[in-house]
């Protein structure tokens, strides 16, 4: 149905419920949702949701943070308040995490914009991203990453010498700060924030390129 100004309006659905399971911290930092969620139903053809043991409210699925970040957060940006910017400067890809409430708000905003509407489902991730970028009815303020949205993981402690040698290869990532979410891209669980546009102090901005 068309609303004021000719914008497409969608029937209100319950807010999206997400369990980020921040404790204990894991490299995958997966988010968990009900398998029956409209988000899962609308994206299962191109998002690699993994089945999990059922919870109190029914069957669950999970998605590693780097995949969820790349799939859903391409229009998110750091909030406008000084506190939002200060909080974002503390984040780097190895410890980046978001709260349950933040994930719920981001995905509910996409749902409000019709991205998970059964009548016009995307058929691939690039198609989904195009629709997400073109959507005019998403409440963009709900996609702002606020100071309270961050739930950074504890700093990694290096143990055995072999682990230290491997981690040195990606140690530069701890110098990067999240500036703004860039285009979607497929990454690894180690980087966790794969696809983010990053700015290292005194260095150039790096941005991942889209898939497809």
C-alpha atoms as a PDB file:
ATOM      1  CA  UNK A   1       0.000   0.000   0.000  1.00  0.00           C
ATOM      2  CA  UNK A   2       1.163   3.560  -0.710  1.00  0.00           C
ATOM      3  CA  UNK A   3       1.487   6.029   2.129  1.00  0.00           C
ATOM      4  CA  UNK A   4       2.057   9.795   2.227  1.00  0.00           C
ATOM      5  CA  UNK A   5       4.216  11.026  -0.636  1.00  0.00           C
ATOM      6  CA  UNK A   6       3.716   7.788  -2.534  1.00  0.00           C
ATOM      7  CA  UNK A   7       6.171   5.808  -0.358  1.00  0.00           C
ATOM      8  CA  UNK A   8       5.485   2.113  -0.013  1.00  0.00           C
ATOM      9  CA  UNK A   9       4.139   1.217   3.431  1.00  0.00           C
ATOM     10  CA  UNK A  10       4.298  -2.291   4.906  1.00  0.00           C
ATOM     11  CA  UNK A  11       2.189  -3.963   7.552  1.00  0.00           C
ATOM     12  CA  UNK A  12       3.847  -3.570  10.942  1.00  0.00           C
ATOM     13  CA  UNK A  13       5.596  -6.700  12.187  1.00  0.00           C
ATOM     14  CA  UNK A  14       6.979  -7.377  15.672  1.00  0.00           C
ATOM     15  CA  UNK A  15      10.451  -5.981  16.293  1.00  0.00           C
ATOM     16  CA  UNK A  16      13.249  -8.323  15.255  1.00  0.00           C
ATOM     17  CA  UNK A  17      14.704 -10.229  18.211  1.00  0.00           C
ATOM     18  CA  UNK A  18      18.429 -11.039  18.092  1.00  0.00           C
ATOM     19  CA  UNK A  19      20.643 -12.834  20.601  1.00  0.00           C
ATOM     20  CA  UNK A  20      24.271 -11.769  20.123  1.00  0.00           C
ATOM     21  CA  UNK A  21      25.569 -14.151  22.849  1.00  0.00           C
ATOM     22  CA  UNK A  22      28.431 -11.882  23.864  1.00  0.00           C
ATOM     23  CA  UNK A  23      29.558 -14.129  26.733  1.00  0.00           C
ATOM     24  CA  UNK A  24      31.716 -16.055  26.376  1.00  0.00           C
ATOM     25  CA  UNK A  25      33.445 -14.166  23.567  1.00  0.00           C
ATOM     26  CA  UNK A  26      34.139 -16.346  20.525  1.00  0.00           C
ATOM     27  CA  UNK A  27      36.035 -15.644  17.284  1.00  0.00           C
ATOM     28  CA  UNK A  28      32.849 -16.116  15.241  1.00  0.00           C
ATOM     29  CA  UNK A  29      30.756 -13.821  17.492  1.00  0.00           C
ATOM     30  CA  UNK A  30      27.646 -15.300  15.855  1.00  0.00           C
ATOM     31  CA  UNK A  31      24.215 -13.760  16.177  1.00  0.00           C
ATOM     32  CA  UNK A  32      21.270 -16.089  16.898  1.00  0.00           C
ATOM     33  CA  UNK A  33      17.648 -15.772  15.758  1.00  0.00           C
ATOM     34  CA  UNK A  34      14.526 -17.869  15.628  1.00  0.00           C
ATOM     35  CA  UNK A  35      14.452 -19.983  12.481  1.00  0.00           C
ATOM     36  CA  UNK A  36      10.902 -18.703  11.941  1.00  0.00           C
ATOM     37  CA  UNK A  37      11.987 -15.042  11.844  1.00  0.00           C
ATOM     38  CA  UNK A  38      10.973 -13.133   8.676  1.00  0.00           C
ATOM     39  CA  UNK A  39      14.627 -12.070   8.397  1.00  0.00           C
ATOM     40  CA  UNK A  40      15.728 -15.699   8.084  1.00  0.00           C
ATOM     41  CA  UNK A  41      12.888 -16.699   5.772  1.00  0.00           C
ATOM     42  CA  UNK A  42      13.572 -13.784   3.432  1.00  0.00           C
ATOM     43  CA  UNK A  43      17.338 -14.298   3.198  1.00  0.00           C
ATOM     44  CA  UNK A  44      17.927 -18.040   3.567  1.00  0.00           C
ATOM     45  CA  UNK A  45      18.493 -18.425  -0.194  1.00  0.00           C
ATOM     46  CA  UNK A  46      21.684 -16.347  -0.069  1.00  0.00           C
ATOM     47  CA  UNK A  47      22.672 -15.950   3.605  1.00  0.00           C
ATOM     48  CA  UNK A  48      24.366 -18.940   5.208  1.00  0.00           C
ATOM     49  CA  UNK A  49      22.216 -19.355   8.316  1.00  0.00           C
ATOM     50  CA  UNK A  50      23.311 -22.374  10.368  1.00  0.00           C
ATOM     51  CA  UNK A  51      20.873 -24.558  12.350  1.00  0.00           C
ATOM     52  CA  UNK A  52      21.358 -24.541  16.116  1.00  0.00           C
ATOM     53  CA  UNK A  53      19.783 -26.446  19.018  1.00  0.00           C
ATOM     54  CA  UNK A  54      16.287 -25.199  19.757  1.00  0.00           C
ATOM     55  CA  UNK A  55      15.787 -22.565  22.406  1.00  0.00           C
ATOM     56  CA  UNK A  56      12.841 -21.934  24.706  1.00  0.00           C
ATOM     57  CA  UNK A  57      10.826 -20.335  21.886  1.00  0.00           C
ATOM     58  CA  UNK A  58      11.640 -22.757  19.089  1.00  0.00           C
ATOM     59  CA  UNK A  59      14.367 -23.752  16.584  1.00  0.00           C
ATOM     60  CA  UNK A  60      17.288 -21.346  16.245  1.00  0.00           C
ATOM     61  CA  UNK A  61      19.762 -20.422  13.527  1.00  0.00           C
ATOM     62  CA  UNK A  62      23.036 -18.533  13.743  1.00  0.00           C
ATOM     63  CA  UNK A  63      25.231 -16.394  11.517  1.00  0.00           C
ATOM     64  CA  UNK A  64      28.868 -15.395  12.171  1.00  0.00           C
ATOM     65  CA  UNK A  65      29.357 -11.696  12.797  1.00  0.00           C
ATOM     66  CA  UNK A  66      31.427 -11.060   9.667  1.00  0.00           C
ATOM     67  CA  UNK A  67      28.658 -12.524   7.485  1.00  0.00           C
ATOM     68  CA  UNK A  68      25.877 -10.657   9.300  1.00  0.00           C
ATOM     69  CA  UNK A  69      27.890  -7.433   9.079  1.00  0.00           C
ATOM     70  CA  UNK A  70      28.450  -7.848   5.345  1.00  0.00           C
ATOM     71  CA  UNK A  71      24.876  -8.898   4.605  1.00  0.00           C
ATOM     72  CA  UNK A  72      22.867  -6.360   6.576  1.00  0.00           C
ATOM     73  CA  UNK A  73      24.876  -3.294   7.599  1.00  0.00           C
ATOM     74  CA  UNK A  74      25.821  -1.657   4.305  1.00  0.00           C
ATOM     75  CA  UNK A  75      23.786   1.496   5.084  1.00  0.00           C
ATOM     76  CA  UNK A  76      24.843   1.826   8.714  1.00  0.00           C
ATOM     77  CA  UNK A  77      27.076   4.670   9.781  1.00  0.00           C
ATOM     78  CA  UNK A  78      28.503   5.983  13.041  1.00  0.00           C
ATOM     79  CA  UNK A  79      25.995   8.186  14.857  1.00  0.00           C
ATOM     80  CA  UNK A  80      26.264  11.984  14.803  1.00  0.00           C
ATOM     81  CA  UNK A  81      26.889  12.628  18.516  1.00  0.00           C
ATOM     82  CA  UNK A  82      30.459  13.170  19.778  1.00  0.00           C
ATOM     83  CA  UNK A  83      29.976  10.206  22.118  1.00  0.00           C
ATOM     84  CA  UNK A  84      29.073   7.989  19.135  1.00  0.00           C
ATOM     85  CA  UNK A  85      32.244   8.968  17.310  1.00  0.00           C
ATOM     86  CA  UNK A  86      34.395   8.540  20.406  1.00  0.00           C
ATOM     87  CA  UNK A  87      32.990   5.050  21.018  1.00  0.00           C
ATOM     88  CA  UNK A  88      33.584   4.033  17.399  1.00  0.00           C
ATOM     89  CA  UNK A  89      37.235   5.037  17.642  1.00  0.00           C
ATOM     90  CA  UNK A  90      37.737   2.356  20.295  1.00  0.00           C
ATOM     91  CA  UNK A  91      36.556  -0.433  17.985  1.00  0.00           C
ATOM     92  CA  UNK A  92      38.769  -2.468  15.706  1.00  0.00           C
ATOM     93  CA  UNK A  93      37.963  -5.597  13.689  1.00  0.00           C
ATOM     94  CA  UNK A  94      39.316  -8.105  16.200  1.00  0.00           C
ATOM     95  CA  UNK A  95      37.036  -7.000  19.036  1.00  0.00           C
ATOM     96  CA  UNK A  96      34.071  -5.407  17.250  1.00  0.00           C
ATOM     97  CA  UNK A  97      30.706  -6.591  18.574  1.00  0.00           C
ATOM     98  CA  UNK A  98      27.176  -5.109  18.829  1.00  0.00           C
ATOM     99  CA  UNK A  99      24.556  -5.550  21.538  1.00  0.00           C
ATOM    100  CA  UNK A 100      21.333  -7.537  21.110  1.00  0.00           C
ATOM    101  CA  UNK A 101      19.358  -4.291  21.135  1.00  0.00           C
ATOM    102  CA  UNK A 102      21.534  -2.745  18.421  1.00  0.00           C
ATOM    103  CA  UNK A 103      21.154  -5.723  16.093  1.00  0.00           C
ATOM    104  CA  UNK A 104      17.423  -5.775  16.774  1.00  0.00           C
ATOM    105  CA  UNK A 105      17.108  -2.082  15.906  1.00  0.00           C
ATOM    106  CA  UNK A 106      19.152  -2.372  12.707  1.00  0.00           C
ATOM    107  CA  UNK A 107      17.200  -5.356  11.388  1.00  0.00           C
ATOM    108  CA  UNK A 108      13.842  -3.950  12.474  1.00  0.00           C
ATOM    109  CA  UNK A 109      14.669  -0.824  10.436  1.00  0.00           C
ATOM    110  CA  UNK A 110      15.284  -2.973   7.349  1.00  0.00           C
ATOM    111  CA  UNK A 111      12.070  -4.858   8.043  1.00  0.00           C
ATOM    112  CA  UNK A 112      10.188  -1.548   8.268  1.00  0.00           C
ATOM    113  CA  UNK A 113      11.579  -0.659   4.851  1.00  0.00           C
ATOM    114  CA  UNK A 114      10.129  -3.826   3.315  1.00  0.00           C
ATOM    115  CA  UNK A 115      13.406  -5.696   2.829  1.00  0.00           C
ATOM    116  CA  UNK A 116      11.931  -8.891   4.279  1.00  0.00           C
ATOM    117  CA  UNK A 117       8.485  -8.552   2.681  1.00  0.00           C
ATOM    118  CA  UNK A 118       7.376 -11.869   1.178  1.00  0.00           C
ATOM    119  CA  UNK A 119       5.929 -10.313  -1.986  1.00  0.00           C
ATOM    120  CA  UNK A 120       9.247  -8.982  -3.265  1.00  0.00           C
ATOM    121  CA  UNK A 121      12.037 -11.122  -1.884  1.00  0.00           C
ATOM    122  CA  UNK A 122      15.562 -10.716  -3.219  1.00  0.00           C
ATOM    123  CA  UNK A 123      17.030 -13.704  -5.056  1.00  0.00           C
ATOM    124  CA  UNK A 124      20.714 -13.081  -4.322  1.00  0.00           C
ATOM    125  CA  UNK A 125      22.896 -11.057  -1.972  1.00  0.00           C
ATOM    126  CA  UNK A 126      23.779  -8.454  -4.641  1.00  0.00           C
ATOM    127  CA  UNK A 127      20.060  -8.103  -5.409  1.00  0.00           C
ATOM    128  CA  UNK A 128      19.308  -7.720  -1.700  1.00  0.00           C
ATOM    129  CA  UNK A 129      21.995  -5.055  -1.387  1.00  0.00           C
ATOM    130  CA  UNK A 130      20.644  -3.144  -4.368  1.00  0.00           C
ATOM    131  CA  UNK A 131      17.169  -3.145  -2.833  1.00  0.00           C
ATOM    132  CA  UNK A 132      18.605  -2.105   0.522  1.00  0.00           C
ATOM    133  CA  UNK A 133      20.495   0.814  -1.026  1.00  0.00           C
ATOM    134  CA  UNK A 134      17.492   1.890  -3.111  1.00  0.00           C
ATOM    135  CA  UNK A 135      14.870   1.576  -0.342  1.00  0.00           C
ATOM    136  CA  UNK A 136      13.348   4.942   0.523  1.00  0.00           C
ATOM    137  CA  UNK A 137      11.216   3.936   3.499  1.00  0.00           C
ATOM    138  CA  UNK A 138      13.919   2.665   5.859  1.00  0.00           C
ATOM    139  CA  UNK A 139      14.129   4.815   9.038  1.00  0.00           C
ATOM    140  CA  UNK A 140      17.786   5.681   8.504  1.00  0.00           C
ATOM    141  CA  UNK A 141      18.257   7.156  11.987  1.00  0.00           C
ATOM    142  CA  UNK A 142      17.705   3.632  13.352  1.00  0.00           C
ATOM    143  CA  UNK A 143      20.773   2.485  11.395  1.00  0.00           C
ATOM    144  CA  UNK A 144      23.074   4.944  13.171  1.00  0.00           C
ATOM    145  CA  UNK A 145      25.645   3.108  15.288  1.00  0.00           C
ATOM    146  CA  UNK A 146      25.361   4.772  18.687  1.00  0.00           C
ATOM    147  CA  UNK A 147      27.767   4.742  21.602  1.00  0.00           C
ATOM    148  CA  UNK A 148      25.511   2.321  23.488  1.00  0.00           C
ATOM    149  CA  UNK A 149      25.429  -0.113  20.540  1.00  0.00           C
ATOM    150  CA  UNK A 150      28.991  -1.324  20.977  1.00  0.00           C
ATOM    151  CA  UNK A 151      29.787  -4.395  23.086  1.00  0.00           C
ATOM    152  CA  UNK A 152      33.478  -4.782  22.369  1.00  0.00           C
ATOM    153  CA  UNK A 153      35.050  -8.143  23.115  1.00  0.00           C
ATOM    154  CA  UNK A 154      37.909  -8.357  25.624  1.00  0.00           C
ATOM    155  CA  UNK A 155      41.329  -7.697  24.170  1.00  0.00           C
ATOM    156  CA  UNK A 156      43.000 -10.813  22.824  1.00  0.00           C
ATOM    157  CA  UNK A 157      45.853 -12.230  24.907  1.00  0.00           C
ATOM    158  CA  UNK A 158      48.530 -14.018  22.914  1.00  0.00           C
ATOM    159  CA  UNK A 159      49.787 -17.281  24.331  1.00  0.00           C
ATOM    160  CA  UNK A 160      52.017 -19.793  22.611  1.00  0.00           C
ATOM    161  CA  UNK A 161      54.803 -18.582  20.351  1.00  0.00           C
ATOM    162  CA  UNK A 162      53.165 -20.164  17.283  1.00  0.00           C
ATOM    163  CA  UNK A 163      49.946 -18.242  17.956  1.00  0.00           C
ATOM    164  CA  UNK A 164      51.899 -15.014  18.349  1.00  0.00           C
ATOM    165  CA  UNK A 165      53.590 -15.564  15.012  1.00  0.00           C
ATOM    166  CA  UNK A 166      50.231 -16.061  13.273  1.00  0.00           C
ATOM    167  CA  UNK A 167      48.657 -13.060  14.945  1.00  0.00           C
ATOM    168  CA  UNK A 168      51.492 -10.752  13.915  1.00  0.00           C
ATOM    169  CA  UNK A 169      50.252 -11.083  10.340  1.00  0.00           C
ATOM    170  CA  UNK A 170      47.023  -9.305  11.264  1.00  0.00           C
ATOM    171  CA  UNK A 171      48.319  -7.143  14.113  1.00  0.00           C
ATOM    172  CA  UNK A 172      47.891  -4.036  11.942  1.00  0.00           C
ATOM    173  CA  UNK A 173      44.114  -4.494  12.288  1.00  0.00           C
ATOM    174  CA  UNK A 174      44.313  -3.440  15.928  1.00  0.00           C
ATOM    175  CA  UNK A 175      45.496  -0.020  14.712  1.00  0.00           C
ATOM    176  CA  UNK A 176      42.443   0.469  12.525  1.00  0.00           C
ATOM    177  CA  UNK A 177      39.308   2.221  13.696  1.00  0.00           C
ATOM    178  CA  UNK A 178      35.865   1.870  12.204  1.00  0.00           C
ATOM    179  CA  UNK A 179      34.991   4.962  10.216  1.00  0.00           C
ATOM    180  CA  UNK A 180      31.915   3.885   8.309  1.00  0.00           C
ATOM    181  CA  UNK A 181      30.476   0.647   7.033  1.00  0.00           C
ATOM    182  CA  UNK A 182      31.518   0.099   3.431  1.00  0.00           C
ATOM    183  CA  UNK A 183      30.285  -2.243   0.718  1.00  0.00           C
ATOM    184  CA  UNK A 184      29.613  -5.904   1.405  1.00  0.00           C
ATOM    185  CA  UNK A 185      32.359  -8.455   1.047  1.00  0.00           C
ATOM    186  CA  UNK A 186      33.077 -12.012   2.068  1.00  0.00           C
ATOM    187  CA  UNK A 187      35.670 -12.371   4.798  1.00  0.00           C
ATOM    188  CA  UNK A 188      36.809 -14.656   7.593  1.00  0.00           C
ATOM    189  CA  UNK A 189      35.699 -15.003  11.179  1.00  0.00           C
ATOM    190  CA  UNK A 190      39.120 -13.839  12.363  1.00  0.00           C
ATOM    191  CA  UNK A 191      38.627 -10.321  11.078  1.00  0.00           C
ATOM    192  CA  UNK A 192      35.025 -10.345  12.350  1.00  0.00           C
ATOM    193  CA  UNK A 193      34.257  -6.922  10.878  1.00  0.00           C
ATOM    194  CA  UNK A 194      35.005  -7.898   7.305  1.00  0.00           C
ATOM    195  CA  UNK A 195      33.734  -5.322   4.878  1.00  0.00           C
ATOM    196  CA  UNK A 196      34.114  -2.317   7.140  1.00  0.00           C
ATOM    197  CA  UNK A 197      35.677   0.820   5.812  1.00  0.00           C
ATOM    198  CA  UNK A 198      38.646   1.354   8.066  1.00  0.00           C
ATOM    199  CA  UNK A 199      40.917   4.262   8.753  1.00  0.00           C
ATOM    200  CA  UNK A 200      44.250   3.702  10.428  1.00  0.00           C
ATOM    201  CA  UNK A 201      45.644   6.765  12.229  1.00  0.00           C
ATOM    202  CA  UNK A 202      47.638   8.830   9.764  1.00  0.00           C
ATOM    203  CA  UNK A 203      46.917   6.414   6.921  1.00  0.00           C
ATOM    204  CA  UNK A 204      44.579   6.116   3.964  1.00  0.00           C
ATOM    205  CA  UNK A 205      41.045   4.765   4.105  1.00  0.00           C
ATOM    206  CA  UNK A 206      40.603   1.118   3.078  1.00  0.00           C
ATOM    207  CA  UNK A 207      37.287  -0.131   1.770  1.00  0.00           C
ATOM    208  CA  UNK A 208      36.205  -3.619   0.755  1.00  0.00           C
ATOM    209  CA  UNK A 209      34.609  -4.141  -2.618  1.00  0.00           C
ATOM    210  CA  UNK A 210      31.163  -5.746  -3.073  1.00  0.00           C
ATOM    211  CA  UNK A 211      30.640  -9.351  -3.977  1.00  0.00           C
ATOM    212  CA  UNK A 212      29.185 -10.287  -7.335  1.00  0.00           C
END
